[in-house]
Amino acid sequence: MSTNYATGRRKNAIAKVWMSAGTGSITVNDSDVKEYFPRGTHRDHIMQVLEAAGVVSKIDIIAKVNGGGKTGQSGAIRMGLARCLAKTDEAMKTVMSKGGFLTRDSRMVERKKYGKMKARRSYQFSKR
């Protein structure tokens, strides 16, 4: 397997993901995945793609992520990884699309409106 590259996005996070044959090491922004994502749910989010493909300890992953928070970044890596695997062969593409890993999650934070405290929260109404 040669090195594959793909880009994943979620919320305001953008991840560049490189995948190659190896022993199963995952590096995010030049640090180990356990250091970069201390919360287990973020690591599990990324591992879902590898488990669905059945390549948990067969490939090495290098990811560069910027923007957004940790949840958005883990989602962006997940999408980039799914796109990398889909490039490898057509059977993997069907597995990734059935798992919903290739779909871009378009939900973004709603912008704040003038005259409001937040996007929808109004100031407290005073009757008197």
N, C-alpha and C. Protein backbone atom coordinates (compact mmCIF):
# COMPACT_ATOMS: atom_id res chain seq x y z
N MET A 1 0.85 -1.18 0.00
CA MET A 1 0.00 0.00 0.00
C MET A 1 0.89 1.24 0.00
N SER A 2 0.66 2.11 -0.94
CA SER A 2 1.43 3.36 -0.98
C SER A 2 0.76 4.38 -0.06
N THR A 3 1.39 5.52 0.08
CA THR A 3 0.85 6.57 0.94
C THR A 3 -0.34 7.23 0.28
N ASN A 4 -1.44 7.30 1.00
CA ASN A 4 -2.65 7.97 0.53
C ASN A 4 -2.86 9.24 1.33
N TYR A 5 -3.48 10.24 0.70
CA TYR A 5 -3.75 11.52 1.35
C TYR A 5 -5.20 11.90 1.13
N ALA A 6 -5.82 12.48 2.16
CA ALA A 6 -7.18 13.01 2.03
C ALA A 6 -7.39 14.12 3.06
N THR A 7 -8.37 14.95 2.80
CA THR A 7 -8.72 16.05 3.69
C THR A 7 -10.10 15.78 4.28
N GLY A 8 -10.24 16.02 5.58
CA GLY A 8 -11.53 15.87 6.24
C GLY A 8 -11.89 17.17 6.94
N ARG A 9 -13.19 17.46 7.01
CA ARG A 9 -13.64 18.69 7.67
C ARG A 9 -14.83 18.41 8.57
N ARG A 10 -14.90 19.13 9.69
CA ARG A 10 -16.06 19.09 10.58
C ARG A 10 -16.06 20.37 11.39
N LYS A 11 -17.22 21.02 11.48
CA LYS A 11 -17.34 22.33 12.13
C LYS A 11 -16.29 23.28 11.55
N ASN A 12 -15.40 23.82 12.35
CA ASN A 12 -14.36 24.70 11.82
C ASN A 12 -13.00 24.01 11.75
N ALA A 13 -12.96 22.70 11.95
CA ALA A 13 -11.71 21.95 11.95
C ALA A 13 -11.42 21.38 10.56
N ILE A 14 -10.15 21.43 10.18
CA ILE A 14 -9.70 20.86 8.91
C ILE A 14 -8.54 19.92 9.21
N ALA A 15 -8.62 18.69 8.72
CA ALA A 15 -7.58 17.69 8.97
C ALA A 15 -7.00 17.20 7.65
N LYS A 16 -5.68 17.20 7.58
CA LYS A 16 -4.96 16.58 6.47
C LYS A 16 -4.47 15.24 6.98
N VAL A 17 -4.85 14.17 6.30
CA VAL A 17 -4.56 12.82 6.79
C VAL A 17 -3.74 12.05 5.75
N TRP A 18 -2.61 11.50 6.20
CA TRP A 18 -1.78 10.63 5.38
C TRP A 18 -1.84 9.22 5.97
N MET A 19 -1.99 8.23 5.10
CA MET A 19 -2.12 6.85 5.54
C MET A 19 -1.14 5.98 4.76
N SER A 20 -0.44 5.10 5.47
CA SER A 20 0.47 4.18 4.80
C SER A 20 0.48 2.85 5.56
N ALA A 21 0.98 1.82 4.92
CA ALA A 21 1.07 0.51 5.57
C ALA A 21 2.06 0.58 6.72
N GLY A 22 1.73 -0.08 7.83
CA GLY A 22 2.61 -0.04 8.99
C GLY A 22 2.10 -0.88 10.14
N THR A 23 2.36 -0.39 11.36
CA THR A 23 2.07 -1.18 12.56
C THR A 23 0.86 -0.69 13.34
N GLY A 24 0.23 0.40 12.93
CA GLY A 24 -0.95 0.88 13.63
C GLY A 24 -0.73 2.11 14.48
N SER A 25 0.36 2.84 14.24
CA SER A 25 0.62 4.05 15.03
C SER A 25 -0.17 5.22 14.45
N ILE A 26 -0.71 6.05 15.34
CA ILE A 26 -1.48 7.22 14.94
C ILE A 26 -0.80 8.45 15.53
N THR A 27 -0.41 9.39 14.66
CA THR A 27 0.25 10.62 15.08
C THR A 27 -0.61 11.80 14.66
N VAL A 28 -0.91 12.67 15.64
CA VAL A 28 -1.72 13.87 15.37
C VAL A 28 -0.89 15.09 15.77
N ASN A 29 -0.65 15.97 14.82
CA ASN A 29 0.15 17.19 15.05
C ASN A 29 1.48 16.88 15.76
N ASP A 30 2.21 15.91 15.24
CA ASP A 30 3.53 15.51 15.74
C ASP A 30 3.53 14.97 17.16
N SER A 31 2.40 14.54 17.68
CA SER A 31 2.35 13.89 18.99
C SER A 31 1.46 12.66 18.89
N ASP A 32 1.61 11.77 19.86
CA ASP A 32 0.84 10.53 19.87
C ASP A 32 -0.65 10.85 20.07
N VAL A 33 -1.51 9.99 19.53
CA VAL A 33 -2.95 10.24 19.61
C VAL A 33 -3.44 10.27 21.06
N LYS A 34 -2.81 9.50 21.95
CA LYS A 34 -3.22 9.49 23.36
C LYS A 34 -2.83 10.77 24.09
N GLU A 35 -1.76 11.42 23.63
CA GLU A 35 -1.39 12.71 24.20
C GLU A 35 -2.27 13.83 23.67
N TYR A 36 -2.53 13.80 22.36
CA TYR A 36 -3.30 14.88 21.73
C TYR A 36 -4.78 14.81 22.10
N PHE A 37 -5.34 13.60 22.14
CA PHE A 37 -6.74 13.41 22.54
C PHE A 37 -6.78 12.63 23.85
N PRO A 38 -6.67 13.31 25.00
CA PRO A 38 -6.70 12.59 26.28
C PRO A 38 -8.05 11.93 26.56
N ARG A 39 -9.12 12.49 26.02
CA ARG A 39 -10.45 11.92 26.23
C ARG A 39 -10.64 10.71 25.32
N GLY A 40 -11.10 9.63 25.90
CA GLY A 40 -11.25 8.37 25.16
C GLY A 40 -12.28 8.42 24.06
N THR A 41 -13.33 9.23 24.23
CA THR A 41 -14.38 9.29 23.21
C THR A 41 -13.85 9.84 21.89
N HIS A 42 -12.90 10.77 21.96
CA HIS A 42 -12.32 11.32 20.74
C HIS A 42 -11.48 10.27 20.02
N ARG A 43 -10.74 9.49 20.78
CA ARG A 43 -9.95 8.40 20.17
C ARG A 43 -10.86 7.32 19.59
N ASP A 44 -11.93 6.99 20.30
CA ASP A 44 -12.89 5.99 19.82
C ASP A 44 -13.55 6.44 18.53
N HIS A 45 -13.79 7.75 18.43
CA HIS A 45 -14.39 8.34 17.24
C HIS A 45 -13.53 8.05 16.01
N ILE A 46 -12.22 8.20 16.16
CA ILE A 46 -11.29 7.93 15.06
C ILE A 46 -11.20 6.43 14.79
N MET A 47 -11.18 5.62 15.85
CA MET A 47 -11.01 4.18 15.71
C MET A 47 -12.21 3.50 15.05
N GLN A 48 -13.39 4.14 15.07
CA GLN A 48 -14.58 3.54 14.45
C GLN A 48 -14.34 3.22 12.98
N VAL A 49 -13.65 4.11 12.29
CA VAL A 49 -13.37 3.91 10.86
C VAL A 49 -12.45 2.71 10.66
N LEU A 50 -11.40 2.64 11.50
CA LEU A 50 -10.44 1.54 11.36
C LEU A 50 -11.08 0.19 11.68
N GLU A 51 -11.95 0.17 12.68
CA GLU A 51 -12.64 -1.08 13.05
C GLU A 51 -13.61 -1.51 11.97
N ALA A 52 -14.31 -0.55 11.36
CA ALA A 52 -15.25 -0.88 10.29
C ALA A 52 -14.51 -1.45 9.07
N ALA A 53 -13.31 -0.92 8.82
CA ALA A 53 -12.51 -1.39 7.68
C ALA A 53 -11.73 -2.66 8.03
N GLY A 54 -11.52 -2.92 9.33
CA GLY A 54 -10.77 -4.10 9.75
C GLY A 54 -9.27 -3.96 9.56
N VAL A 55 -8.74 -2.75 9.72
CA VAL A 55 -7.32 -2.49 9.51
C VAL A 55 -6.70 -1.79 10.73
N VAL A 56 -7.12 -2.17 11.93
CA VAL A 56 -6.72 -1.46 13.15
C VAL A 56 -5.21 -1.42 13.32
N SER A 57 -4.52 -2.55 13.15
CA SER A 57 -3.08 -2.57 13.39
C SER A 57 -2.27 -2.80 12.10
N LYS A 58 -2.85 -2.41 10.96
CA LYS A 58 -2.16 -2.64 9.69
C LYS A 58 -1.67 -1.37 9.03
N ILE A 59 -2.14 -0.20 9.48
CA ILE A 59 -1.75 1.05 8.81
C ILE A 59 -1.27 2.08 9.82
N ASP A 60 -0.38 2.96 9.35
CA ASP A 60 0.09 4.10 10.13
C ASP A 60 -0.64 5.35 9.63
N ILE A 61 -0.98 6.22 10.57
CA ILE A 61 -1.72 7.43 10.23
C ILE A 61 -0.97 8.64 10.76
N ILE A 62 -0.80 9.63 9.89
CA ILE A 62 -0.24 10.92 10.30
C ILE A 62 -1.28 11.97 9.94
N ALA A 63 -1.68 12.78 10.94
CA ALA A 63 -2.70 13.80 10.71
C ALA A 63 -2.21 15.16 11.19
N LYS A 64 -2.51 16.17 10.39
CA LYS A 64 -2.26 17.57 10.76
C LYS A 64 -3.62 18.23 10.85
N VAL A 65 -3.94 18.76 12.03
CA VAL A 65 -5.27 19.33 12.26
C VAL A 65 -5.12 20.76 12.74
N ASN A 66 -5.98 21.64 12.24
CA ASN A 66 -6.05 22.98 12.80
C ASN A 66 -7.49 23.49 12.75
N GLY A 67 -7.80 24.44 13.63
CA GLY A 67 -9.14 25.01 13.71
C GLY A 67 -10.07 24.17 14.55
N GLY A 68 -11.07 24.83 15.12
CA GLY A 68 -12.09 24.14 15.88
C GLY A 68 -11.61 23.61 17.21
N GLY A 69 -12.42 22.80 17.85
CA GLY A 69 -12.09 22.18 19.12
C GLY A 69 -11.73 20.72 18.92
N LYS A 70 -11.56 20.02 20.02
CA LYS A 70 -11.12 18.62 19.95
C LYS A 70 -12.16 17.71 19.28
N THR A 71 -13.44 17.95 19.55
CA THR A 71 -14.49 17.11 18.97
C THR A 71 -14.55 17.30 17.45
N GLY A 72 -14.48 18.54 17.01
CA GLY A 72 -14.47 18.81 15.58
C GLY A 72 -13.24 18.25 14.91
N GLN A 73 -12.10 18.32 15.61
CA GLN A 73 -10.86 17.81 15.05
C GLN A 73 -10.88 16.30 14.91
N SER A 74 -11.42 15.61 15.92
CA SER A 74 -11.50 14.15 15.82
C SER A 74 -12.46 13.74 14.70
N GLY A 75 -13.54 14.49 14.53
CA GLY A 75 -14.47 14.22 13.43
C GLY A 75 -13.85 14.47 12.07
N ALA A 76 -13.00 15.50 11.99
CA ALA A 76 -12.33 15.80 10.72
C ALA A 76 -11.32 14.71 10.37
N ILE A 77 -10.59 14.22 11.38
CA ILE A 77 -9.64 13.12 11.14
C ILE A 77 -10.39 11.88 10.70
N ARG A 78 -11.52 11.62 11.32
CA ARG A 78 -12.35 10.46 10.99
C ARG A 78 -12.77 10.51 9.52
N MET A 79 -13.21 11.67 9.06
CA MET A 79 -13.65 11.81 7.68
C MET A 79 -12.47 11.68 6.71
N GLY A 80 -11.34 12.29 7.05
CA GLY A 80 -10.15 12.20 6.20
C GLY A 80 -9.65 10.77 6.08
N LEU A 81 -9.69 10.06 7.18
CA LEU A 81 -9.27 8.66 7.20
C LEU A 81 -10.20 7.79 6.36
N ALA A 82 -11.50 8.05 6.46
CA ALA A 82 -12.48 7.31 5.66
C ALA A 82 -12.27 7.57 4.18
N ARG A 83 -11.95 8.81 3.82
CA ARG A 83 -11.69 9.14 2.42
C ARG A 83 -10.43 8.45 1.92
N CYS A 84 -9.40 8.37 2.78
CA CYS A 84 -8.17 7.66 2.42
C CYS A 84 -8.46 6.19 2.13
N LEU A 85 -9.22 5.56 3.01
CA LEU A 85 -9.53 4.14 2.84
C LEU A 85 -10.41 3.91 1.62
N ALA A 86 -11.31 4.86 1.33
CA ALA A 86 -12.18 4.73 0.16
C ALA A 86 -11.37 4.82 -1.14
N LYS A 87 -10.26 5.56 -1.10
CA LYS A 87 -9.40 5.66 -2.29
C LYS A 87 -8.68 4.34 -2.59
N THR A 88 -8.45 3.53 -1.55
CA THR A 88 -7.66 2.31 -1.73
C THR A 88 -8.37 1.30 -2.63
N ASP A 89 -9.66 1.02 -2.36
CA ASP A 89 -10.40 0.14 -3.27
C ASP A 89 -11.90 0.38 -3.16
N GLU A 90 -12.62 -0.10 -4.16
CA GLU A 90 -14.06 0.17 -4.29
C GLU A 90 -14.88 -0.52 -3.20
N ALA A 91 -14.46 -1.70 -2.75
CA ALA A 91 -15.18 -2.42 -1.71
C ALA A 91 -15.14 -1.64 -0.40
N MET A 92 -14.00 -0.99 -0.14
CA MET A 92 -13.85 -0.19 1.08
C MET A 92 -14.74 1.05 1.03
N LYS A 93 -14.95 1.57 -0.18
CA LYS A 93 -15.79 2.77 -0.33
C LYS A 93 -17.23 2.47 0.07
N THR A 94 -17.73 1.29 -0.27
CA THR A 94 -19.10 0.93 0.11
C THR A 94 -19.22 0.74 1.61
N VAL A 95 -18.18 0.17 2.24
CA VAL A 95 -18.18 -0.01 3.70
C VAL A 95 -18.19 1.34 4.39
N MET A 96 -17.38 2.28 3.90
CA MET A 96 -17.30 3.62 4.50
C MET A 96 -18.59 4.40 4.33
N SER A 97 -19.21 4.30 3.15
CA SER A 97 -20.44 5.06 2.92
C SER A 97 -21.61 4.47 3.69
N LYS A 98 -21.66 3.14 3.85
CA LYS A 98 -22.72 2.53 4.65
C LYS A 98 -22.59 2.89 6.12
N GLY A 99 -21.35 3.05 6.59
CA GLY A 99 -21.12 3.47 7.97
C GLY A 99 -21.38 4.95 8.20
N GLY A 100 -21.54 5.71 7.11
CA GLY A 100 -21.79 7.14 7.22
C GLY A 100 -20.54 7.96 7.48
N PHE A 101 -19.38 7.39 7.17
CA PHE A 101 -18.12 8.08 7.45
C PHE A 101 -17.72 9.06 6.36
N LEU A 102 -18.29 8.91 5.16
CA LEU A 102 -17.93 9.79 4.05
C LEU A 102 -18.83 11.03 3.96
N THR A 103 -19.88 11.07 4.75
CA THR A 103 -20.80 12.20 4.72
C THR A 103 -20.26 13.35 5.55
N ARG A 104 -20.23 14.54 4.95
CA ARG A 104 -19.76 15.74 5.64
C ARG A 104 -20.85 16.21 6.58
N ASP A 105 -20.51 16.33 7.86
CA ASP A 105 -21.45 16.83 8.87
C ASP A 105 -21.47 18.35 8.76
N SER A 106 -22.53 18.89 8.18
CA SER A 106 -22.57 20.32 7.85
C SER A 106 -23.04 21.21 9.01
N ARG A 107 -23.31 20.62 10.17
CA ARG A 107 -23.79 21.43 11.29
C ARG A 107 -22.70 22.36 11.79
N MET A 108 -23.03 23.65 11.85
CA MET A 108 -22.08 24.66 12.31
C MET A 108 -22.74 25.44 13.45
N VAL A 109 -21.94 26.20 14.17
CA VAL A 109 -22.46 27.04 15.25
C VAL A 109 -23.24 28.18 14.62
N GLU A 110 -24.45 28.40 15.12
CA GLU A 110 -25.28 29.48 14.61
C GLU A 110 -24.72 30.82 15.07
N ARG A 111 -24.73 31.80 14.19
CA ARG A 111 -24.13 33.09 14.52
C ARG A 111 -24.99 33.87 15.50
N LYS A 112 -24.36 34.76 16.27
CA LYS A 112 -25.06 35.62 17.22
C LYS A 112 -25.76 36.73 16.44
N LYS A 113 -27.01 37.00 16.85
CA LYS A 113 -27.77 38.08 16.24
C LYS A 113 -27.76 39.31 17.14
N TYR A 114 -27.87 40.48 16.54
CA TYR A 114 -27.93 41.71 17.33
C TYR A 114 -29.26 41.75 18.09
N GLY A 115 -29.23 42.36 19.27
CA GLY A 115 -30.42 42.41 20.12
C GLY A 115 -30.65 41.13 20.91
N LYS A 116 -29.74 40.18 20.80
CA LYS A 116 -29.86 38.91 21.52
C LYS A 116 -28.58 38.68 22.31
N MET A 117 -28.68 37.84 23.35
CA MET A 117 -27.50 37.50 24.14
C MET A 117 -26.60 36.52 23.38
N LYS A 118 -27.25 35.53 22.79
CA LYS A 118 -26.53 34.53 22.00
C LYS A 118 -27.24 34.43 20.66
N ALA A 119 -27.22 33.26 20.03
CA ALA A 119 -27.87 33.12 18.74
C ALA A 119 -29.39 33.27 18.85
N ARG A 120 -29.97 32.68 19.91
CA ARG A 120 -31.43 32.74 20.08
C ARG A 120 -31.88 33.25 21.43
N ARG A 121 -31.01 33.20 22.42
CA ARG A 121 -31.34 33.61 23.79
C ARG A 121 -31.54 35.12 23.84
N SER A 122 -32.74 35.53 24.30
CA SER A 122 -33.05 36.96 24.42
C SER A 122 -32.70 37.46 25.80
N TYR A 123 -32.63 38.78 25.92
CA TYR A 123 -32.49 39.37 27.24
C TYR A 123 -33.78 39.18 28.00
N GLN A 124 -33.71 39.16 29.36
CA GLN A 124 -34.90 38.90 30.16
C GLN A 124 -35.89 40.03 29.98
N PHE A 125 -37.14 39.65 29.71
CA PHE A 125 -38.20 40.64 29.49
C PHE A 125 -38.71 41.15 30.84
N SER A 126 -38.78 42.47 30.97
CA SER A 126 -39.28 43.10 32.19
C SER A 126 -40.66 43.68 31.91
N LYS A 127 -41.66 43.18 32.63
CA LYS A 127 -43.02 43.64 32.41
C LYS A 127 -43.22 45.05 32.96
N ARG A 128 -42.57 45.34 34.09
CA ARG A 128 -42.73 46.67 34.72
C ARG A 128 -41.40 47.35 34.87
